[in-house]
Protein backbone atom coordinates (compact mmCIF):
# COMPACT_ATOMS: atom_id res chain seq x y z
CA MET A 1 -4.12 14.23 -25.85
CA ASN A 2 -5.57 15.70 -22.64
CA GLU A 3 -3.53 16.76 -19.63
CA ILE A 4 -4.18 16.77 -15.89
CA ASN A 5 -2.24 18.83 -13.37
CA VAL A 6 -1.05 16.84 -10.36
CA ALA A 7 -0.32 18.20 -6.88
CA LEU A 8 1.78 16.00 -4.59
CA ILE A 9 1.75 16.45 -0.81
CA GLY A 10 4.80 14.87 0.81
CA THR A 11 8.47 14.69 -0.15
CA LYS A 12 9.96 11.76 1.75
CA PHE A 13 10.10 8.05 0.84
CA MET A 14 6.64 7.87 -0.74
CA GLY A 15 7.00 11.33 -2.24
CA ARG A 16 10.01 10.05 -4.16
CA ALA A 17 8.22 6.85 -5.25
CA HIS A 18 5.16 8.78 -6.44
CA SER A 19 7.24 11.45 -8.18
CA ASN A 20 9.10 8.75 -10.09
CA ALA A 21 5.76 7.26 -11.17
CA TRP A 22 4.34 10.53 -12.52
CA LEU A 23 7.66 11.36 -14.17
CA ASN A 24 7.91 8.07 -16.07
CA VAL A 25 4.39 6.77 -16.64
CA SER A 26 3.85 8.42 -20.03
CA LYS A 27 7.24 7.21 -21.21
CA PHE A 28 6.16 3.57 -20.95
CA PHE A 29 2.35 3.65 -21.17
CA ASP A 30 -0.02 5.37 -23.59
CA VAL A 31 -2.06 7.36 -21.07
CA ASP A 32 -4.78 9.93 -21.59
CA PRO A 33 -4.80 12.29 -19.79
CA GLN A 34 -1.09 12.93 -19.55
CA PRO A 35 0.09 13.91 -16.04
CA VAL A 36 1.64 17.34 -15.57
CA MET A 37 3.77 17.54 -12.43
CA HIS A 38 2.44 20.93 -11.42
CA ALA A 39 2.97 21.41 -7.67
CA VAL A 40 4.68 19.69 -4.75
CA VAL A 41 3.96 20.56 -1.13
CA GLY A 42 6.23 19.96 1.87
CA ARG A 43 6.98 21.39 5.30
CA ASN A 44 10.75 21.71 5.03
CA VAL A 45 11.39 24.85 3.00
CA ALA A 46 15.13 24.18 2.82
CA GLU A 47 14.57 20.81 1.12
CA LEU A 48 11.45 21.59 -0.90
CA ASP A 49 12.93 23.52 -3.84
CA ALA A 50 15.69 20.95 -4.28
CA PHE A 51 13.11 18.15 -4.29
CA ALA A 52 10.99 19.95 -6.89
CA ALA A 53 13.98 20.53 -9.14
CA ARG A 54 15.26 16.98 -8.82
CA TRP A 55 11.93 15.32 -9.62
CA GLY A 56 10.50 17.75 -12.16
CA TRP A 57 7.76 19.57 -10.24
CA LYS A 58 6.99 22.98 -11.74
CA THR A 59 6.19 24.76 -8.48
CA SER A 60 6.52 24.14 -4.75
CA ASN A 61 5.00 25.59 -1.59
CA THR A 62 4.26 24.78 2.04
CA ASP A 63 0.49 25.43 1.98
CA TRP A 64 -1.28 22.17 1.23
CA ARG A 65 -4.75 23.75 1.40
CA ALA A 66 -3.85 26.21 -1.33
CA ALA A 67 -2.53 23.36 -3.46
CA VAL A 68 -5.56 21.06 -3.13
CA THR A 69 -8.05 23.85 -3.82
CA ALA A 70 -6.18 25.52 -6.69
CA PRO A 71 -8.45 25.60 -9.76
CA GLU A 72 -5.71 24.38 -12.09
CA ILE A 73 -5.15 21.13 -10.11
CA GLY A 74 -7.07 18.05 -11.21
CA LEU A 75 -5.45 15.25 -9.20
CA VAL A 76 -4.18 15.43 -5.61
CA ASP A 77 -1.64 12.80 -4.53
CA ILE A 78 -1.33 12.39 -0.76
CA ALA A 79 1.97 10.92 0.51
CA THR A 80 1.88 12.27 4.06
CA PRO A 81 1.77 10.60 7.51
CA ASN A 82 -1.46 8.78 8.29
CA ASP A 83 -2.93 11.28 10.75
CA VAL A 84 -3.51 13.92 8.07
CA HIS A 85 -4.87 11.69 5.29
CA ALA A 86 -8.48 12.41 6.20
CA GLU A 87 -8.20 16.19 6.46
CA GLN A 88 -6.25 16.51 3.23
CA SER A 89 -8.32 14.00 1.23
CA ILE A 90 -11.66 15.41 2.28
CA ALA A 91 -10.55 18.97 1.48
CA ALA A 92 -9.43 17.87 -1.98
CA LEU A 93 -12.66 15.94 -2.63
CA GLU A 94 -14.75 18.91 -1.54
CA ALA A 95 -12.78 21.01 -4.03
CA GLY A 96 -13.80 18.60 -6.80
CA LYS A 97 -10.43 16.91 -7.28
CA HIS A 98 -9.53 13.32 -7.97
CA VAL A 99 -7.57 11.97 -5.00
CA VAL A 100 -4.98 9.21 -4.69
CA CYS A 101 -3.90 8.50 -1.10
CA GLU A 102 -1.16 6.43 0.49
CA LYS A 103 -2.01 3.35 2.52
CA PRO A 104 -3.33 2.58 5.04
CA LEU A 105 -6.29 4.76 4.18
CA ALA A 106 -5.99 6.51 7.56
CA GLY A 107 -4.52 6.17 11.03
CA THR A 108 -7.91 5.34 12.57
CA LEU A 109 -11.09 3.60 11.49
CA ALA A 110 -13.11 6.75 12.21
CA ASP A 111 -10.94 8.78 9.83
CA ALA A 112 -11.18 6.07 7.15
CA GLU A 113 -14.96 6.01 7.45
CA ALA A 114 -15.10 9.80 7.09
CA MET A 115 -12.93 9.60 3.98
CA ALA A 116 -15.08 6.90 2.39
CA ALA A 117 -18.25 8.89 3.17
CA ALA A 118 -16.76 12.00 1.57
CA ALA A 119 -15.73 10.01 -1.49
CA ALA A 120 -19.23 8.58 -1.91
CA ASN A 121 -20.62 12.09 -2.28
CA ALA A 122 -17.79 13.58 -4.35
CA SER A 123 -17.47 14.18 -8.07
CA GLY A 124 -13.81 13.11 -8.13
CA LYS A 125 -12.55 9.55 -8.29
CA THR A 126 -10.50 8.05 -5.44
CA PHE A 127 -7.56 5.67 -5.50
CA VAL A 128 -5.28 4.16 -2.82
CA TRP A 129 -1.61 3.28 -3.30
CA TYR A 130 -1.81 -0.46 -2.66
CA ASN A 131 0.99 -0.69 -5.20
CA TYR A 132 1.71 -4.40 -4.78
CA ARG A 133 -1.48 -5.17 -6.73
CA ARG A 134 0.42 -3.82 -9.75
CA VAL A 135 3.38 -6.19 -9.39
CA PRO A 136 2.97 -8.50 -12.40
CA ALA A 137 3.21 -11.68 -10.29
CA VAL A 138 0.49 -10.51 -7.89
CA ALA A 139 -1.73 -9.35 -10.74
CA LEU A 140 -1.28 -12.76 -12.40
CA ALA A 141 -2.10 -14.50 -9.11
CA HIS A 142 -5.33 -12.49 -9.06
CA ARG A 143 -6.19 -13.65 -12.56
CA ILE A 144 -5.42 -17.31 -11.80
CA ALA A 145 -7.42 -17.36 -8.58
CA ARG A 146 -10.37 -15.49 -10.09
CA SER A 147 -10.44 -17.94 -13.03
CA GLY A 148 -11.40 -20.68 -10.59
CA ALA A 149 -8.16 -22.61 -11.13
CA LEU A 150 -7.61 -23.02 -7.37
CA GLY A 151 -11.16 -24.10 -6.64
CA ARG A 152 -12.44 -23.58 -3.13
CA ILE A 153 -9.93 -21.69 -0.97
CA TYR A 154 -8.99 -23.65 2.14
CA HIS A 155 -6.14 -21.75 3.70
CA VAL A 156 -4.13 -18.57 3.31
CA ARG A 157 -0.83 -17.64 4.95
CA ALA A 158 0.44 -14.09 4.66
CA CYS A 159 3.36 -12.35 6.29
CA TYR A 160 5.33 -9.17 5.84
CA LEU A 161 8.77 -9.36 7.44
CA GLN A 162 11.18 -6.46 7.81
CA SER A 163 14.08 -5.82 10.19
CA TRP A 164 14.76 -2.08 10.05
CA GLY A 165 13.01 -1.24 13.34
CA GLY A 166 15.69 -2.37 15.78
CA PRO A 167 16.89 -0.54 18.93
CA SER A 168 19.08 1.88 16.96
CA THR A 169 16.17 3.16 14.86
CA PRO A 170 15.15 6.64 16.09
CA LEU A 171 11.68 7.72 17.14
CA VAL A 172 10.47 8.83 13.71
CA TRP A 173 6.75 9.39 13.10
CA ARG A 174 6.13 5.74 12.26
CA PHE A 175 6.69 4.90 15.96
CA GLN A 176 4.23 7.53 17.22
CA ALA A 177 0.64 6.33 17.55
CA ASP A 178 -0.89 9.81 17.38
CA ILE A 179 0.61 10.21 13.89
CA ALA A 180 0.87 6.68 12.46
CA GLY A 181 -2.11 5.06 14.21
CA SER A 182 -0.21 1.78 14.49
CA GLY A 183 3.24 0.38 13.73
CA ALA A 184 4.06 -2.70 11.68
CA HIS A 185 0.35 -3.50 11.69
CA GLY A 186 -0.91 -0.55 9.65
CA ASP A 187 2.27 -0.25 7.64
CA LEU A 188 2.74 -3.91 6.68
CA ASN A 189 -0.34 -5.97 7.58
CA ALA A 190 -2.36 -3.49 5.53
CA HIS A 191 -0.51 -4.61 2.40
CA ILE A 192 -0.99 -8.33 2.94
CA ILE A 193 -4.64 -7.95 3.97
CA ASP A 194 -5.25 -6.07 0.73
CA ALA A 195 -3.29 -8.68 -1.25
CA VAL A 196 -5.33 -11.57 0.15
CA ARG A 197 -8.61 -9.77 -0.54
CA PHE A 198 -7.43 -8.83 -4.04
CA VAL A 199 -6.14 -12.24 -5.09
CA THR A 200 -8.87 -14.44 -3.60
CA GLY A 201 -11.83 -12.12 -4.11
CA GLU A 202 -12.96 -12.99 -0.59
CA GLU A 203 -13.41 -10.78 2.45
CA ILE A 204 -12.08 -11.37 5.96
CA VAL A 205 -15.25 -11.70 7.99
CA SER A 206 -13.82 -12.20 11.47
CA VAL A 207 -10.62 -12.08 13.49
CA GLU A 208 -10.50 -15.08 15.80
CA GLY A 209 -7.41 -14.14 17.80
CA ALA A 210 -4.50 -11.71 17.70
CA ILE A 211 -1.26 -10.67 19.43
CA GLU A 212 0.07 -7.10 19.45
CA HIS A 213 3.50 -6.47 20.95
CA THR A 214 6.01 -3.64 21.37
CA PHE A 215 9.54 -4.89 22.02
CA ILE A 216 11.36 -1.55 22.00
CA THR A 217 9.53 0.97 24.16
CA GLU A 218 12.12 3.77 24.23
CA ARG A 219 13.88 5.20 21.18
CA GLU A 220 16.34 8.01 20.68
CA LEU A 221 14.84 11.22 19.32
CA PRO A 222 15.93 12.13 15.78
CA GLU A 223 18.78 14.56 15.40
CA GLY A 224 17.48 18.09 15.04
CA SER A 225 14.12 17.27 16.65
CA GLY A 226 14.67 19.81 19.40
CA GLY A 227 13.36 17.33 21.93
CA GLU A 228 10.04 16.91 20.12
CA ILE A 229 8.98 13.40 19.14
CA ALA A 230 8.76 14.05 15.44
CA GLY A 231 10.97 14.08 12.40
CA SER A 232 12.50 11.53 10.07
CA GLY A 233 16.25 11.93 10.53
CA ALA A 234 18.91 9.75 12.10
CA ALA A 235 19.28 9.26 15.82
CA GLY A 236 21.66 11.60 17.55
CA SER A 237 19.79 13.97 19.83
CA GLY A 238 20.89 12.14 22.97
CA ARG A 239 17.33 12.25 24.30
CA THR A 240 14.73 9.48 24.17
CA GLY A 241 10.99 9.23 23.83
CA ARG A 242 8.41 6.49 24.16
CA SER A 243 7.46 4.35 21.19
CA THR A 244 3.67 4.03 21.27
CA VAL A 245 3.03 1.61 18.40
CA ASP A 246 3.35 -2.13 17.88
CA ASP A 247 6.58 -3.68 16.59
CA ALA A 248 4.78 -6.89 15.61
CA VAL A 249 1.17 -8.06 15.17
CA MET A 250 -0.08 -11.56 14.35
CA PHE A 251 -3.71 -12.58 13.87
CA LEU A 252 -6.01 -15.31 12.58
CA GLY A 253 -9.07 -14.73 10.44
CA ARG A 254 -11.92 -16.40 8.60
CA LEU A 255 -12.61 -15.77 4.93
CA SER A 256 -16.07 -15.20 3.47
CA GLY A 257 -15.77 -18.48 1.54
CA GLY A 258 -15.13 -20.46 4.72
CA GLY A 259 -11.35 -20.67 4.53
CA LEU A 260 -8.86 -19.77 7.25
CA ALA A 261 -6.11 -17.16 7.09
CA SER A 262 -3.10 -16.16 9.15
CA PHE A 263 -1.35 -12.79 9.03
CA GLU A 264 1.97 -11.67 10.52
CA ALA A 265 3.72 -8.30 10.32
CA THR A 266 6.94 -7.30 12.04
CA ARG A 267 9.79 -4.81 11.75
CA LEU A 268 12.04 -7.08 13.82
CA ALA A 269 12.42 -10.18 11.61
CA THR A 270 16.21 -10.31 11.67
CA GLY A 271 17.52 -11.38 8.27
CA TYR A 272 14.56 -10.16 6.22
CA HIS A 273 14.42 -6.75 4.59
CA ASN A 274 11.17 -6.70 2.62
CA ALA A 275 9.69 -10.19 2.63
CA ASN A 276 6.10 -9.54 1.58
CA ARG A 277 4.73 -13.06 1.18
CA PHE A 278 1.52 -14.97 0.74
CA GLU A 279 0.44 -18.55 0.06
CA ILE A 280 -3.08 -19.46 -1.07
CA HIS A 281 -4.11 -23.12 -0.94
CA GLY A 282 -7.24 -24.38 -2.70
CA GLU A 283 -8.87 -27.67 -3.56
CA ARG A 284 -7.44 -27.71 -7.10
CA GLY A 285 -4.23 -25.74 -6.76
CA ALA A 286 -2.13 -23.24 -4.87
CA LEU A 287 -0.20 -20.01 -5.35
CA ARG A 288 2.75 -18.49 -3.52
CA PHE A 289 4.57 -15.16 -3.81
CA ASP A 290 7.53 -13.48 -2.13
CA PHE A 291 8.34 -9.88 -3.04
CA GLU A 292 12.04 -10.52 -2.45
CA ARG A 293 11.71 -12.60 -5.65
CA MET A 294 9.15 -10.27 -7.19
CA ASN A 295 9.48 -11.46 -10.79
CA GLU A 296 8.41 -15.00 -9.89
CA LEU A 297 5.08 -16.59 -9.01
CA GLY A 298 4.78 -20.11 -7.62
CA TYR A 299 1.88 -22.22 -8.93
CA TYR A 300 0.85 -25.76 -8.01
CA ASP A 301 -1.68 -27.59 -10.20
CA ALA A 302 -3.22 -30.42 -8.18
CA SER A 303 -5.06 -31.86 -11.19
CA GLY A 304 -2.00 -33.41 -12.84
CA ASP A 305 -0.25 -36.74 -12.49
CA GLY A 306 0.70 -37.22 -8.86
CA ALA A 307 3.98 -38.86 -9.86
CA THR A 308 5.21 -35.67 -11.50
CA ALA A 309 3.24 -33.01 -9.62
CA GLY A 310 5.20 -30.15 -8.10
CA TRP A 311 5.50 -26.41 -7.80
CA THR A 312 6.05 -24.46 -11.01
CA THR A 313 8.02 -21.21 -10.83
CA ILE A 314 6.61 -18.79 -13.39
CA ASP A 315 8.93 -16.10 -14.72
CA VAL A 316 6.36 -13.28 -14.78
CA THR A 317 8.16 -11.03 -17.30
CA ARG A 318 6.66 -12.16 -20.60
CA GLY A 319 4.33 -9.49 -21.87
CA GLY A 320 3.81 -11.38 -25.11
CA ASP A 321 2.37 -14.26 -23.11
CA GLY A 322 -0.06 -12.02 -21.29
CA HIS A 323 1.77 -11.33 -18.05
CA PRO A 324 0.16 -8.17 -16.63
CA TYR A 325 2.04 -4.90 -17.24
CA ALA A 326 5.15 -6.66 -18.54
CA ALA A 327 4.58 -5.68 -22.17
CA ALA A 328 5.07 -2.00 -21.31
CA TRP A 329 8.59 -2.59 -20.03
CA TRP A 330 11.49 -4.78 -21.16
CA PRO A 331 12.16 -8.00 -23.13
CA ASP A 332 11.48 -11.35 -21.45
CA SER A 333 13.39 -12.00 -18.20
CA HIS A 334 14.55 -8.39 -17.88
CA GLY A 335 13.03 -8.09 -14.43
CA LEU A 336 11.15 -5.21 -12.85
CA GLY A 337 11.83 -3.53 -9.50
CA TYR A 338 9.97 -1.92 -6.62
CA GLU A 339 9.33 1.36 -8.43
CA HIS A 340 7.54 -0.29 -11.35
CA GLY A 341 4.46 -1.12 -9.28
CA PHE A 342 3.92 2.60 -8.70
CA VAL A 343 4.36 3.42 -12.38
CA ASN A 344 1.92 0.65 -13.31
CA GLN A 345 -0.59 2.04 -10.83
CA ALA A 346 -0.16 5.59 -12.13
CA ALA A 347 -1.01 4.26 -15.61
CA ASP A 348 -4.22 2.66 -14.36
CA ILE A 349 -5.17 5.79 -12.40
CA LEU A 350 -4.85 7.97 -15.49
CA THR A 351 -6.71 5.40 -17.60
CA MET A 352 -9.62 5.45 -15.14
CA ILE A 353 -9.70 9.25 -14.98
CA GLY A 354 -9.92 9.17 -18.77
CA GLY A 355 -12.91 6.83 -18.60
CA GLY A 356 -11.14 3.53 -19.24
CA GLN A 357 -10.72 0.34 -17.23
CA PRO A 358 -7.66 -0.60 -15.15
CA LEU A 359 -5.72 -3.72 -16.05
CA VAL A 360 -6.69 -5.23 -12.67
CA PRO A 361 -9.10 -3.82 -10.06
CA MET A 362 -8.09 -0.57 -8.38
CA PRO A 363 -8.73 0.07 -4.68
CA ASP A 364 -10.78 3.19 -4.02
CA PHE A 365 -11.63 4.66 -0.61
CA ALA A 366 -14.59 2.29 -0.15
CA ASP A 367 -12.40 -0.73 -0.92
CA ALA A 368 -9.57 0.46 1.34
CA LEU A 369 -12.09 0.99 4.16
CA ARG A 370 -12.67 -2.79 4.18
CA THR A 371 -8.95 -3.35 4.79
CA GLN A 372 -9.03 -0.69 7.52
CA ARG A 373 -11.86 -2.57 9.25
CA VAL A 374 -9.72 -5.69 9.35
CA LEU A 375 -6.79 -3.72 10.79
CA ASP A 376 -9.07 -2.29 13.48
CA ALA A 377 -10.62 -5.68 14.28
CA ALA A 378 -7.20 -7.30 14.74
CA ILE A 379 -6.08 -4.69 17.28
CA ARG A 380 -9.40 -4.90 19.12
CA SER A 381 -9.11 -8.68 19.22
CA ALA A 382 -5.57 -8.46 20.63
CA ARG A 383 -6.56 -5.98 23.32
CA GLU A 384 -9.90 -7.52 24.25
CA ARG A 385 -8.69 -11.11 23.82
CA ALA A 386 -11.89 -11.93 21.99
CA PRO A 387 -13.11 -12.78 18.47
CA ILE A 388 -14.27 -9.76 16.46
CA GLN A 389 -16.82 -9.88 13.63
CA ILE A 390 -16.18 -7.57 10.66
CA ALA A 391 -18.76 -5.78 8.53
CA THR A 392 -18.07 -6.38 4.83
CA THR A 393 -20.50 -3.90 3.29
């Protein structure tokens, strides 16, 4: 069995999710190479050693360049804010590493294009953490749609509703445009754009109209920020700074097959915590998914008897019946959780590095660039109040 040394950059929310994936993937999947959690990189020295010890990283340091160029590292995992994705990814690719990067691919379209160009000329493989593709229900939706069971796609609705970004939320980096690039749009719309592209197999070829809005323009600076608009802690500094990203973005698009699509992302949907949803309606059937019920997939077969036709709720936990990824985990109806999508993706990443095929298609930098173009087109449409055509090649 081969091994590959992994270096992780970032120790916050996504750093924890990725660490859990590398820690557990070989316990549930037969992977070759096996991941070795070699080095973790972070800025906060006081927290870094404790993070490494808790999650099983062999070494830790604050110099990301040293980590991504170290000869013993084979795979670099980037879980940092969006503004440094390009610099870190390109440096790792130039050093001959495989690179897996958090989504969105970058904070700006220009950075995403630079990353995709670097990947096209690199020896290492690239991957992007669009982890919801690896939720069994979403992977099954992909298989059903790609089988032709829905027929021609007429209409898609997609929304991602959260409520954590209210007035009491401090001015962490996700509310700073120079770091995040955008707010709910890049954070949440990116996921549902990717999901629609993944499930339907169609591209979004134009944005026909969009709204971008910031409801809360001033936020308290995080405690311990020293007056600087940075950090990830709780509010408590007593000082405020300006939020420079959207709180909500809605837009309409056209699909390459002629269908219509609507997208909505917000951090102010009171009553919803992580409602990542889509509906796909075709001439012969329909699918619907809600991550808040992640172990279920709704399916409507329009070819049956109209007197008894209705939505079927599929319990997507039966590995023996072919439900994607489920066979690696628990007996039927012992549901999975948020973290399992990351573990499933880690398994596919290692399989591809070893020369195998992923269970369902994996987004690389070129694929994620297409999602980034849609994100950019939606903001341009909102600001210019005009339709925007999108390149799909």
